[in-house]
């Protein structure tokens, strides 16, 4: 046996050092991911609540509103703004259409005519 050949014990200690470095790196990745998830959750918790009612505006500034939606309706367009219950009812009485998907007229107890 060659005197310069590392012994089995030396090889195992080297392997241990490599694995400890790998484990330290993995623990750092886990800590980084936990921090990112905590930041994401803080962002979610800090969001303002969804409005109960939405009024979707027309294509330009002067166009009348086109729909009234229940807050969170998946069909509400980007031009939708939160509105209080009274404004949603008023819009319906003034002839703004009720979204056929979320049916805010039913939710508000609005009976046409």
PDB file of N, CA and C in Angstrom:
ATOM      1  N   UNK A   1       0.846  -1.166   0.000  1.00  0.00           N
ATOM      2  CA  UNK A   1       0.000   0.000   0.000  1.00  0.00           C
ATOM      3  C   UNK A   1       0.900   1.241   0.000  1.00  0.00           C
ATOM      4  N   UNK A   2       0.520   2.199  -0.806  1.00  0.00           N
ATOM      5  CA  UNK A   2       1.275   3.435  -0.952  1.00  0.00           C
ATOM      6  C   UNK A   2       1.023   4.338   0.249  1.00  0.00           C
ATOM      7  N   UNK A   3       2.084   4.905   0.819  1.00  0.00           N
ATOM      8  CA  UNK A   3       1.950   5.779   1.986  1.00  0.00           C
ATOM      9  C   UNK A   3       1.205   7.064   1.656  1.00  0.00           C
ATOM     10  N   UNK A   4       1.162   7.441   0.411  1.00  0.00           N
ATOM     11  CA  UNK A   4       0.505   8.688   0.043  1.00  0.00           C
ATOM     12  C   UNK A   4      -0.975   8.507  -0.250  1.00  0.00           C
ATOM     13  N   UNK A   5      -1.415   7.303  -0.328  1.00  0.00           N
ATOM     14  CA  UNK A   5      -2.843   7.040  -0.553  1.00  0.00           C
ATOM     15  C   UNK A   5      -3.615   7.403   0.706  1.00  0.00           C
ATOM     16  N   UNK A   6      -4.716   8.177   0.559  1.00  0.00           N
ATOM     17  CA  UNK A   6      -5.479   8.500   1.759  1.00  0.00           C
ATOM     18  C   UNK A   6      -6.135   7.241   2.318  1.00  0.00           C
ATOM     19  N   UNK A   7      -6.198   7.188   3.618  1.00  0.00           N
ATOM     20  CA  UNK A   7      -6.832   6.043   4.255  1.00  0.00           C
ATOM     21  C   UNK A   7      -8.353   6.166   4.193  1.00  0.00           C
ATOM     22  N   UNK A   8      -8.994   5.082   4.468  1.00  0.00           N
ATOM     23  CA  UNK A   8     -10.459   5.047   4.454  1.00  0.00           C
ATOM     24  C   UNK A   8     -11.037   6.082   5.424  1.00  0.00           C
ATOM     25  N   UNK A   9     -10.453   6.222   6.590  1.00  0.00           N
ATOM     26  CA  UNK A   9     -10.936   7.176   7.584  1.00  0.00           C
ATOM     27  C   UNK A   9     -10.814   8.606   7.053  1.00  0.00           C
ATOM     28  N   UNK A  10      -9.718   8.924   6.404  1.00  0.00           N
ATOM     29  CA  UNK A  10      -9.530  10.269   5.843  1.00  0.00           C
ATOM     30  C   UNK A  10     -10.573  10.537   4.756  1.00  0.00           C
ATOM     31  N   UNK A  11     -10.843   9.523   3.941  1.00  0.00           N
ATOM     32  CA  UNK A  11     -11.858   9.687   2.892  1.00  0.00           C
ATOM     33  C   UNK A  11     -13.247   9.909   3.505  1.00  0.00           C
ATOM     34  N   UNK A  12     -13.553   9.181   4.538  1.00  0.00           N
ATOM     35  CA  UNK A  12     -14.859   9.350   5.188  1.00  0.00           C
ATOM     36  C   UNK A  12     -14.990  10.732   5.819  1.00  0.00           C
ATOM     37  N   UNK A  13     -13.889  11.230   6.412  1.00  0.00           N
ATOM     38  CA  UNK A  13     -13.929  12.580   6.989  1.00  0.00           C
ATOM     39  C   UNK A  13     -14.095  13.637   5.898  1.00  0.00           C
ATOM     40  N   UNK A  14     -13.447  13.430   4.774  1.00  0.00           N
ATOM     41  CA  UNK A  14     -13.621  14.355   3.648  1.00  0.00           C
ATOM     42  C   UNK A  14     -15.077  14.338   3.176  1.00  0.00           C
ATOM     43  N   UNK A  15     -15.641  13.147   3.045  1.00  0.00           N
ATOM     44  CA  UNK A  15     -17.045  13.015   2.648  1.00  0.00           C
ATOM     45  C   UNK A  15     -17.948  13.729   3.651  1.00  0.00           C
ATOM     46  N   UNK A  16     -17.654  13.588   4.922  1.00  0.00           N
ATOM     47  CA  UNK A  16     -18.441  14.257   5.953  1.00  0.00           C
ATOM     48  C   UNK A  16     -18.388  15.774   5.773  1.00  0.00           C
ATOM     49  N   UNK A  17     -17.226  16.335   5.484  1.00  0.00           N
ATOM     50  CA  UNK A  17     -17.094  17.776   5.279  1.00  0.00           C
ATOM     51  C   UNK A  17     -17.926  18.238   4.078  1.00  0.00           C
ATOM     52  N   UNK A  18     -17.884  17.474   3.015  1.00  0.00           N
ATOM     53  CA  UNK A  18     -18.661  17.807   1.812  1.00  0.00           C
ATOM     54  C   UNK A  18     -20.152  17.791   2.141  1.00  0.00           C
ATOM     55  N   UNK A  19     -20.586  16.762   2.834  1.00  0.00           N
ATOM     56  CA  UNK A  19     -22.001  16.648   3.163  1.00  0.00           C
ATOM     57  C   UNK A  19     -22.443  17.738   4.143  1.00  0.00           C
ATOM     58  N   UNK A  20     -21.589  18.111   5.089  1.00  0.00           N
ATOM     59  CA  UNK A  20     -21.936  19.198   6.009  1.00  0.00           C
ATOM     60  C   UNK A  20     -22.075  20.509   5.252  1.00  0.00           C
ATOM     61  N   UNK A  21     -21.192  20.751   4.282  1.00  0.00           N
ATOM     62  CA  UNK A  21     -21.313  21.959   3.453  1.00  0.00           C
ATOM     63  C   UNK A  21     -22.608  21.935   2.654  1.00  0.00           C
ATOM     64  N   UNK A  22     -22.921  20.771   2.082  1.00  0.00           N
ATOM     65  CA  UNK A  22     -24.174  20.630   1.326  1.00  0.00           C
ATOM     66  C   UNK A  22     -25.378  20.850   2.237  1.00  0.00           C
ATOM     67  N   UNK A  23     -25.332  20.296   3.437  1.00  0.00           N
ATOM     68  CA  UNK A  23     -26.433  20.457   4.377  1.00  0.00           C
ATOM     69  C   UNK A  23     -26.577  21.925   4.794  1.00  0.00           C
ATOM     70  N   UNK A  24     -25.476  22.617   5.026  1.00  0.00           N
ATOM     71  CA  UNK A  24     -25.526  24.042   5.379  1.00  0.00           C
ATOM     72  C   UNK A  24     -26.147  24.846   4.236  1.00  0.00           C
ATOM     73  N   UNK A  25     -25.770  24.519   3.003  1.00  0.00           N
ATOM     74  CA  UNK A  25     -26.341  25.217   1.842  1.00  0.00           C
ATOM     75  C   UNK A  25     -27.839  24.937   1.736  1.00  0.00           C
ATOM     76  N   UNK A  26     -28.250  23.703   1.938  1.00  0.00           N
ATOM     77  CA  UNK A  26     -29.671  23.342   1.883  1.00  0.00           C
ATOM     78  C   UNK A  26     -30.451  24.061   2.978  1.00  0.00           C
ATOM     79  N   UNK A  27     -29.881  24.140   4.175  1.00  0.00           N
ATOM     80  CA  UNK A  27     -30.547  24.860   5.267  1.00  0.00           C
ATOM     81  C   UNK A  27     -30.699  26.342   4.938  1.00  0.00           C
ATOM     82  N   UNK A  28     -29.702  26.921   4.275  1.00  0.00           N
ATOM     83  CA  UNK A  28     -29.792  28.327   3.868  1.00  0.00           C
ATOM     84  C   UNK A  28     -30.910  28.491   2.839  1.00  0.00           C
ATOM     85  N   UNK A  29     -31.008  27.579   1.883  1.00  0.00           N
ATOM     86  CA  UNK A  29     -32.079  27.647   0.884  1.00  0.00           C
ATOM     87  C   UNK A  29     -33.444  27.555   1.560  1.00  0.00           C
ATOM     88  N   UNK A  30     -33.560  26.672   2.535  1.00  0.00           N
ATOM     89  CA  UNK A  30     -34.831  26.524   3.261  1.00  0.00           C
ATOM     90  C   UNK A  30     -35.162  27.818   3.998  1.00  0.00           C
ATOM     91  N   UNK A  31     -34.185  28.408   4.678  1.00  0.00           N
ATOM     92  CA  UNK A  31     -34.418  29.660   5.415  1.00  0.00           C
ATOM     93  C   UNK A  31     -34.818  30.774   4.447  1.00  0.00           C
ATOM     94  N   UNK A  32     -34.160  30.841   3.288  1.00  0.00           N
ATOM     95  CA  UNK A  32     -34.508  31.852   2.281  1.00  0.00           C
ATOM     96  C   UNK A  32     -35.943  31.664   1.801  1.00  0.00           C
ATOM     97  N   UNK A  33     -36.330  30.427   1.542  1.00  0.00           N
ATOM     98  CA  UNK A  33     -37.686  30.153   1.060  1.00  0.00           C
ATOM     99  C   UNK A  33     -38.722  30.454   2.136  1.00  0.00           C
ATOM    100  N   UNK A  34     -38.412  30.113   3.389  1.00  0.00           N
ATOM    101  CA  UNK A  34     -39.334  30.438   4.485  1.00  0.00           C
ATOM    102  C   UNK A  34     -39.512  31.953   4.603  1.00  0.00           C
ATOM    103  N   UNK A  35     -38.441  32.700   4.417  1.00  0.00           N
ATOM    104  CA  UNK A  35     -38.513  34.156   4.478  1.00  0.00           C
ATOM    105  C   UNK A  35     -39.378  34.693   3.333  1.00  0.00           C
ATOM    106  N   UNK A  36     -39.184  34.154   2.122  1.00  0.00           N
ATOM    107  CA  UNK A  36     -40.000  34.581   0.977  1.00  0.00           C
ATOM    108  C   UNK A  36     -41.475  34.277   1.205  1.00  0.00           C
ATOM    109  N   UNK A  37     -41.772  33.098   1.722  1.00  0.00           N
ATOM    110  CA  UNK A  37     -43.170  32.746   1.987  1.00  0.00           C
ATOM    111  C   UNK A  37     -43.786  33.647   3.053  1.00  0.00           C
ATOM    112  N   UNK A  38     -43.011  33.982   4.078  1.00  0.00           N
ATOM    113  CA  UNK A  38     -43.514  34.875   5.130  1.00  0.00           C
ATOM    114  C   UNK A  38     -43.781  36.267   4.552  1.00  0.00           C
ATOM    115  N   UNK A  39     -42.892  36.751   3.685  1.00  0.00           N
ATOM    116  CA  UNK A  39     -43.104  38.058   3.047  1.00  0.00           C
ATOM    117  C   UNK A  39     -44.344  38.033   2.169  1.00  0.00           C
ATOM    118  N   UNK A  40     -44.506  36.945   1.418  1.00  0.00           N
ATOM    119  CA  UNK A  40     -45.681  36.801   0.553  1.00  0.00           C
ATOM    120  C   UNK A  40     -46.955  36.810   1.384  1.00  0.00           C
ATOM    121  N   UNK A  41     -46.947  36.097   2.511  1.00  0.00           N
ATOM    122  CA  UNK A  41     -48.127  36.039   3.371  1.00  0.00           C
ATOM    123  C   UNK A  41     -48.418  37.403   3.990  1.00  0.00           C
ATOM    124  N   UNK A  42     -47.365  38.139   4.382  1.00  0.00           N
ATOM    125  CA  UNK A  42     -47.577  39.483   4.930  1.00  0.00           C
ATOM    126  C   UNK A  42     -48.226  40.374   3.878  1.00  0.00           C
ATOM    127  N   UNK A  43     -47.800  40.237   2.616  1.00  0.00           N
ATOM    128  CA  UNK A  43     -48.417  41.004   1.531  1.00  0.00           C
ATOM    129  C   UNK A  43     -49.885  40.662   1.354  1.00  0.00           C
ATOM    130  N   UNK A  44     -50.199  39.385   1.430  1.00  0.00           N
ATOM    131  CA  UNK A  44     -51.596  38.946   1.298  1.00  0.00           C
ATOM    132  C   UNK A  44     -52.423  39.480   2.465  1.00  0.00           C
ATOM    133  N   UNK A  45     -51.874  39.397   3.674  1.00  0.00           N
ATOM    134  CA  UNK A  45     -52.591  39.868   4.860  1.00  0.00           C
ATOM    135  C   UNK A  45     -52.800  41.377   4.844  1.00  0.00           C
ATOM    136  N   UNK A  46     -51.905  42.113   4.187  1.00  0.00           N
ATOM    137  CA  UNK A  46     -51.981  43.580   4.174  1.00  0.00           C
ATOM    138  C   UNK A  46     -52.912  44.119   3.082  1.00  0.00           C
ATOM    139  N   UNK A  47     -53.376  43.257   2.200  1.00  0.00           N
ATOM    140  CA  UNK A  47     -54.273  43.726   1.143  1.00  0.00           C
ATOM    141  C   UNK A  47     -55.576  44.231   1.735  1.00  0.00           C
ATOM    142  N   UNK A  48     -56.108  45.298   1.148  1.00  0.00           N
ATOM    143  CA  UNK A  48     -57.419  45.746   1.624  1.00  0.00           C
ATOM    144  C   UNK A  48     -58.482  44.719   1.219  1.00  0.00           C
ATOM    145  N   UNK A  49     -59.576  44.654   1.951  1.00  0.00           N
ATOM    146  CA  UNK A  49     -60.620  43.681   1.602  1.00  0.00           C
ATOM    147  C   UNK A  49     -61.257  44.038   0.258  1.00  0.00           C
ATOM    148  N   UNK A  50     -61.749  43.013  -0.417  1.00  0.00           N
ATOM    149  CA  UNK A  50     -62.458  43.250  -1.682  1.00  0.00           C
ATOM    150  C   UNK A  50     -63.722  44.039  -1.410  1.00  0.00           C
ATOM    151  N   UNK A  51     -64.072  44.953  -2.316  1.00  0.00           N
ATOM    152  CA  UNK A  51     -65.335  45.678  -2.125  1.00  0.00           C
ATOM    153  C   UNK A  51     -66.508  44.710  -2.314  1.00  0.00           C
ATOM    154  N   UNK A  52     -67.625  45.034  -1.689  1.00  0.00           N
ATOM    155  CA  UNK A  52     -68.809  44.177  -1.815  1.00  0.00           C
ATOM    156  C   UNK A  52     -69.454  44.307  -3.196  1.00  0.00           C
ATOM    157  N   UNK A  53     -69.313  45.497  -3.805  1.00  0.00           N
ATOM    158  CA  UNK A  53     -69.967  45.757  -5.089  1.00  0.00           C
ATOM    159  C   UNK A  53     -68.988  46.472  -6.012  1.00  0.00           C
ATOM    160  N   UNK A  54     -69.122  46.229  -7.303  1.00  0.00           N
ATOM    161  CA  UNK A  54     -68.268  46.872  -8.301  1.00  0.00           C
ATOM    162  C   UNK A  54     -69.155  47.496  -9.366  1.00  0.00           C
ATOM    163  N   UNK A  55     -68.714  48.638  -9.880  1.00  0.00           N
ATOM    164  CA  UNK A  55     -69.380  49.242 -11.037  1.00  0.00           C
ATOM    165  C   UNK A  55     -68.331  49.334 -12.130  1.00  0.00           C
ATOM    166  N   UNK A  56     -68.621  48.689 -13.248  1.00  0.00           N
ATOM    167  CA  UNK A  56     -67.692  48.656 -14.379  1.00  0.00           C
ATOM    168  C   UNK A  56     -67.984  49.826 -15.306  1.00  0.00           C
ATOM    169  N   UNK A  57     -66.983  50.653 -15.496  1.00  0.00           N
ATOM    170  CA  UNK A  57     -67.128  51.840 -16.335  1.00  0.00           C
ATOM    171  C   UNK A  57     -67.065  51.472 -17.816  1.00  0.00           C
ATOM    172  N   UNK A  58     -67.563  52.387 -18.653  1.00  0.00           N
ATOM    173  CA  UNK A  58     -67.502  52.200 -20.098  1.00  0.00           C
ATOM    174  C   UNK A  58     -66.089  52.379 -20.623  1.00  0.00           C
ATOM    175  N   UNK A  59     -65.933  52.326 -21.947  1.00  0.00           N
ATOM    176  CA  UNK A  59     -64.614  52.357 -22.559  1.00  0.00           C
ATOM    177  C   UNK A  59     -63.883  53.687 -22.432  1.00  0.00           C
ATOM    178  N   UNK A  60     -64.607  54.781 -22.355  1.00  0.00           N
ATOM    179  CA  UNK A  60     -63.910  56.053 -22.188  1.00  0.00           C
ATOM    180  C   UNK A  60     -64.454  56.775 -20.966  1.00  0.00           C
ATOM    181  N   UNK A  61     -63.816  57.883 -20.647  1.00  0.00           N
ATOM    182  CA  UNK A  61     -64.145  58.621 -19.427  1.00  0.00           C
ATOM    183  C   UNK A  61     -65.590  59.099 -19.388  1.00  0.00           C
ATOM    184  N   UNK A  62     -66.147  59.429 -20.554  1.00  0.00           N
ATOM    185  CA  UNK A  62     -67.494  59.994 -20.605  1.00  0.00           C
ATOM    186  C   UNK A  62     -68.584  58.943 -20.798  1.00  0.00           C
ATOM    187  N   UNK A  63     -68.198  57.708 -21.046  1.00  0.00           N
ATOM    188  CA  UNK A  63     -69.191  56.653 -21.287  1.00  0.00           C
ATOM    189  C   UNK A  63     -69.862  56.260 -19.969  1.00  0.00           C
ATOM    190  N   UNK A  64     -71.127  55.927 -20.015  1.00  0.00           N
ATOM    191  CA  UNK A  64     -71.815  55.506 -18.782  1.00  0.00           C
ATOM    192  C   UNK A  64     -71.322  54.125 -18.339  1.00  0.00           C
ATOM    193  N   UNK A  65     -71.557  53.775 -17.086  1.00  0.00           N
ATOM    194  CA  UNK A  65     -71.186  52.434 -16.607  1.00  0.00           C
ATOM    195  C   UNK A  65     -71.919  51.359 -17.414  1.00  0.00           C
ATOM    196  N   UNK A  66     -71.275  50.196 -17.535  1.00  0.00           N
ATOM    197  CA  UNK A  66     -71.881  49.128 -18.331  1.00  0.00           C
ATOM    198  C   UNK A  66     -72.427  47.978 -17.484  1.00  0.00           C
ATOM    199  N   UNK A  67     -71.828  47.722 -16.319  1.00  0.00           N
ATOM    200  CA  UNK A  67     -72.291  46.607 -15.473  1.00  0.00           C
ATOM    201  C   UNK A  67     -72.127  46.939 -14.000  1.00  0.00           C
ATOM    202  N   UNK A  68     -72.999  46.332 -13.212  1.00  0.00           N
ATOM    203  CA  UNK A  68     -72.830  46.275 -11.763  1.00  0.00           C
ATOM    204  C   UNK A  68     -72.466  44.817 -11.459  1.00  0.00           C
ATOM    205  N   UNK A  69     -71.448  44.618 -10.616  1.00  0.00           N
ATOM    206  CA  UNK A  69     -70.977  43.273 -10.256  1.00  0.00           C
ATOM    207  C   UNK A  69     -70.975  43.106  -8.749  1.00  0.00           C
ATOM    208  N   UNK A  70     -71.049  41.864  -8.315  1.00  0.00           N
ATOM    209  CA  UNK A  70     -70.759  41.523  -6.923  1.00  0.00           C
ATOM    210  C   UNK A  70     -69.239  41.574  -6.794  1.00  0.00           C
ATOM    211  N   UNK A  71     -68.720  42.083  -5.681  1.00  0.00           N
ATOM    212  CA  UNK A  71     -67.272  42.137  -5.475  1.00  0.00           C
ATOM    213  C   UNK A  71     -66.642  40.769  -5.674  1.00  0.00           C
ATOM    214  N   UNK A  72     -65.529  40.736  -6.393  1.00  0.00           N
ATOM    215  CA  UNK A  72     -64.842  39.468  -6.646  1.00  0.00           C
ATOM    216  C   UNK A  72     -65.347  38.723  -7.861  1.00  0.00           C
ATOM    217  N   UNK A  73     -66.294  39.290  -8.601  1.00  0.00           N
ATOM    218  CA  UNK A  73     -66.808  38.616  -9.800  1.00  0.00           C
ATOM    219  C   UNK A  73     -65.671  38.413 -10.799  1.00  0.00           C
ATOM    220  N   UNK A  74     -65.541  37.212 -11.313  1.00  0.00           N
ATOM    221  CA  UNK A  74     -64.458  36.908 -12.260  1.00  0.00           C
ATOM    222  C   UNK A  74     -64.663  37.589 -13.613  1.00  0.00           C
ATOM    223  N   UNK A  75     -65.851  38.092 -13.867  1.00  0.00           N
ATOM    224  CA  UNK A  75     -66.128  38.749 -15.151  1.00  0.00           C
ATOM    225  C   UNK A  75     -65.941  40.267 -15.080  1.00  0.00           C
ATOM    226  N   UNK A  76     -65.686  40.809 -13.904  1.00  0.00           N
ATOM    227  CA  UNK A  76     -65.506  42.256 -13.768  1.00  0.00           C
ATOM    228  C   UNK A  76     -64.242  42.667 -14.517  1.00  0.00           C
ATOM    229  N   UNK A  77     -64.372  43.696 -15.340  1.00  0.00           N
ATOM    230  CA  UNK A  77     -63.230  44.161 -16.115  1.00  0.00           C
ATOM    231  C   UNK A  77     -62.296  45.034 -15.315  1.00  0.00           C
ATOM    232  N   UNK A  78     -61.204  45.421 -15.951  1.00  0.00           N
ATOM    233  CA  UNK A  78     -60.201  46.252 -15.292  1.00  0.00           C
ATOM    234  C   UNK A  78     -60.704  47.656 -15.001  1.00  0.00           C
ATOM    235  N   UNK A  79     -61.762  48.049 -15.651  1.00  0.00           N
ATOM    236  CA  UNK A  79     -62.317  49.386 -15.430  1.00  0.00           C
ATOM    237  C   UNK A  79     -63.343  49.401 -14.303  1.00  0.00           C
ATOM    238  N   UNK A  80     -63.386  48.352 -13.510  1.00  0.00           N
ATOM    239  CA  UNK A  80     -64.348  48.252 -12.402  1.00  0.00           C
ATOM    240  C   UNK A  80     -63.793  48.930 -11.165  1.00  0.00           C
ATOM    241  N   UNK A  81     -64.665  49.618 -10.461  1.00  0.00           N
ATOM    242  CA  UNK A  81     -64.309  50.312  -9.224  1.00  0.00           C
ATOM    243  C   UNK A  81     -65.239  49.846  -8.116  1.00  0.00           C
ATOM    244  N   UNK A  82     -64.713  49.774  -6.899  1.00  0.00           N
ATOM    245  CA  UNK A  82     -65.524  49.416  -5.749  1.00  0.00           C
ATOM    246  C   UNK A  82     -66.597  50.467  -5.500  1.00  0.00           C
ATOM    247  N   UNK A  83     -67.744  50.017  -5.039  1.00  0.00           N
ATOM    248  CA  UNK A  83     -68.863  50.935  -4.788  1.00  0.00           C
ATOM    249  C   UNK A  83     -69.616  50.462  -3.552  1.00  0.00           C
ATOM    250  N   UNK A  84     -70.155  51.421  -2.780  1.00  0.00           N
ATOM    251  CA  UNK A  84     -70.998  51.025  -1.640  1.00  0.00           C
ATOM    252  C   UNK A  84     -72.340  50.479  -2.130  1.00  0.00           C
ATOM    253  N   UNK A  85     -73.038  49.817  -1.248  1.00  0.00           N
ATOM    254  CA  UNK A  85     -74.331  49.196  -1.582  1.00  0.00           C
ATOM    255  C   UNK A  85     -75.297  50.205  -2.214  1.00  0.00           C
ATOM    256  N   UNK A  86     -75.400  51.393  -1.636  1.00  0.00           N
ATOM    257  CA  UNK A  86     -76.326  52.404  -2.160  1.00  0.00           C
ATOM    258  C   UNK A  86     -76.006  52.800  -3.588  1.00  0.00           C
ATOM    259  N   UNK A  87     -74.717  52.939  -3.906  1.00  0.00           N
ATOM    260  CA  UNK A  87     -74.327  53.309  -5.273  1.00  0.00           C
ATOM    261  C   UNK A  87     -74.640  52.183  -6.251  1.00  0.00           C
ATOM    262  N   UNK A  88     -74.459  50.946  -5.824  1.00  0.00           N
ATOM    263  CA  UNK A  88     -74.786  49.806  -6.689  1.00  0.00           C
ATOM    264  C   UNK A  88     -76.292  49.759  -6.956  1.00  0.00           C
ATOM    265  N   UNK A  89     -77.089  49.964  -5.905  1.00  0.00           N
ATOM    266  CA  UNK A  89     -78.555  49.986  -6.080  1.00  0.00           C
ATOM    267  C   UNK A  89     -78.968  51.132  -7.002  1.00  0.00           C
ATOM    268  N   UNK A  90     -78.400  52.305  -6.789  1.00  0.00           N
ATOM    269  CA  UNK A  90     -78.720  53.465  -7.613  1.00  0.00           C
ATOM    270  C   UNK A  90     -78.368  53.203  -9.075  1.00  0.00           C
ATOM    271  N   UNK A  91     -77.222  52.596  -9.324  1.00  0.00           N
ATOM    272  CA  UNK A  91     -76.819  52.290 -10.699  1.00  0.00           C
ATOM    273  C   UNK A  91     -77.837  51.352 -11.352  1.00  0.00           C
ATOM    274  N   UNK A  92     -78.285  50.353 -10.622  1.00  0.00           N
ATOM    275  CA  UNK A  92     -79.276  49.422 -11.177  1.00  0.00           C
ATOM    276  C   UNK A  92     -80.596  50.141 -11.481  1.00  0.00           C
ATOM    277  N   UNK A  93     -81.021  51.015 -10.577  1.00  0.00           N
ATOM    278  CA  UNK A  93     -82.280  51.739 -10.811  1.00  0.00           C
ATOM    279  C   UNK A  93     -82.149  52.717 -11.976  1.00  0.00           C
ATOM    280  N   UNK A  94     -80.915  53.174 -12.244  1.00  0.00           N
ATOM    281  CA  UNK A  94     -80.690  54.097 -13.358  1.00  0.00           C
ATOM    282  C   UNK A  94     -80.455  53.366 -14.675  1.00  0.00           C
ATOM    283  N   UNK A  95     -80.585  52.046 -14.678  1.00  0.00           N
ATOM    284  CA  UNK A  95     -80.519  51.287 -15.921  1.00  0.00           C
ATOM    285  C   UNK A  95     -79.188  50.640 -16.243  1.00  0.00           C
ATOM    286  N   UNK A  96     -78.232  50.697 -15.343  1.00  0.00           N
ATOM    287  CA  UNK A  96     -76.966  49.991 -15.588  1.00  0.00           C
ATOM    288  C   UNK A  96     -77.260  48.500 -15.494  1.00  0.00           C
ATOM    289  N   UNK A  97     -76.741  47.746 -16.448  1.00  0.00           N
ATOM    290  CA  UNK A  97     -77.024  46.308 -16.508  1.00  0.00           C
ATOM    291  C   UNK A  97     -76.405  45.570 -15.327  1.00  0.00           C
ATOM    292  N   UNK A  98     -77.092  44.536 -14.913  1.00  0.00           N
ATOM    293  CA  UNK A  98     -76.603  43.644 -13.870  1.00  0.00           C
ATOM    294  C   UNK A  98     -75.780  42.550 -14.536  1.00  0.00           C
ATOM    295  N   UNK A  99     -74.610  42.259 -14.016  1.00  0.00           N
ATOM    296  CA  UNK A  99     -73.766  41.201 -14.595  1.00  0.00           C
ATOM    297  C   UNK A  99     -74.549  39.884 -14.612  1.00  0.00           C
ATOM    298  N   UNK A 100     -74.624  39.232 -15.770  1.00  0.00           N
ATOM    299  CA  UNK A 100     -75.383  37.975 -15.843  1.00  0.00           C
ATOM    300  C   UNK A 100     -74.685  36.795 -15.147  1.00  0.00           C
ATOM    301  N   UNK A 101     -73.431  36.967 -14.791  1.00  0.00           N
ATOM    302  CA  UNK A 101     -72.698  35.872 -14.149  1.00  0.00           C
ATOM    303  C   UNK A 101     -72.843  35.889 -12.628  1.00  0.00           C
ATOM    304  N   UNK A 102     -72.645  37.073 -12.030  1.00  0.00           N
ATOM    305  CA  UNK A 102     -72.664  37.139 -10.561  1.00  0.00           C
ATOM    306  C   UNK A 102     -74.004  37.614 -10.009  1.00  0.00           C
ATOM    307  N   UNK A 103     -74.893  38.128 -10.856  1.00  0.00           N
ATOM    308  CA  UNK A 103     -76.255  38.530 -10.504  1.00  0.00           C
ATOM    309  C   UNK A 103     -76.329  39.422  -9.259  1.00  0.00           C
ATOM    310  N   UNK A 104     -75.736  40.623  -9.303  1.00  0.00           N
ATOM    311  CA  UNK A 104     -75.808  41.515  -8.140  1.00  0.00           C
ATOM    312  C   UNK A 104     -77.227  41.980  -7.846  1.00  0.00           C
ATOM    313  N   UNK A 105     -78.101  41.993  -8.865  1.00  0.00           N
ATOM    314  CA  UNK A 105     -79.488  42.393  -8.620  1.00  0.00           C
ATOM    315  C   UNK A 105     -80.144  41.440  -7.626  1.00  0.00           C
ATOM    316  N   UNK A 106     -79.878  40.152  -7.755  1.00  0.00           N
ATOM    317  CA  UNK A 106     -80.424  39.163  -6.816  1.00  0.00           C
ATOM    318  C   UNK A 106     -79.809  39.342  -5.437  1.00  0.00           C
ATOM    319  N   UNK A 107     -78.489  39.540  -5.405  1.00  0.00           N
ATOM    320  CA  UNK A 107     -77.791  39.718  -4.122  1.00  0.00           C
ATOM    321  C   UNK A 107     -78.300  40.953  -3.383  1.00  0.00           C
ATOM    322  N   UNK A 108     -78.627  42.016  -4.146  1.00  0.00           N
ATOM    323  CA  UNK A 108     -79.085  43.254  -3.540  1.00  0.00           C
ATOM    324  C   UNK A 108     -80.582  43.245  -3.255  1.00  0.00           C
ATOM    325  N   UNK A 109     -81.276  42.221  -3.737  1.00  0.00           N
ATOM    326  CA  UNK A 109     -82.723  42.180  -3.567  1.00  0.00           C
ATOM    327  C   UNK A 109     -83.437  43.161  -4.460  1.00  0.00           C
ATOM    328  N   UNK A 110     -82.802  43.508  -5.574  1.00  0.00           N
ATOM    329  CA  UNK A 110     -83.360  44.496  -6.515  1.00  0.00           C
ATOM    330  C   UNK A 110     -84.347  43.803  -7.442  1.00  0.00           C
ATOM    331  N   UNK A 111     -85.554  44.327  -7.476  1.00  0.00           N
ATOM    332  CA  UNK A 111     -86.575  43.808  -8.384  1.00  0.00           C
ATOM    333  C   UNK A 111     -86.846  44.841  -9.433  1.00  0.00           C
ATOM    334  N   UNK A 112     -86.639  44.507 -10.682  1.00  0.00           N
ATOM    335  CA  UNK A 112     -86.818  45.454 -11.784  1.00  0.00           C
ATOM    336  C   UNK A 112     -88.304  45.776 -11.959  1.00  0.00           C
ATOM    337  N   UNK A 113     -88.565  47.076 -12.098  1.00  0.00           N
ATOM    338  CA  UNK A 113     -89.921  47.507 -12.372  1.00  0.00           C
ATOM    339  C   UNK A 113     -90.708  47.556 -11.148  1.00  0.00           C
TER     340      UNK A 113
END
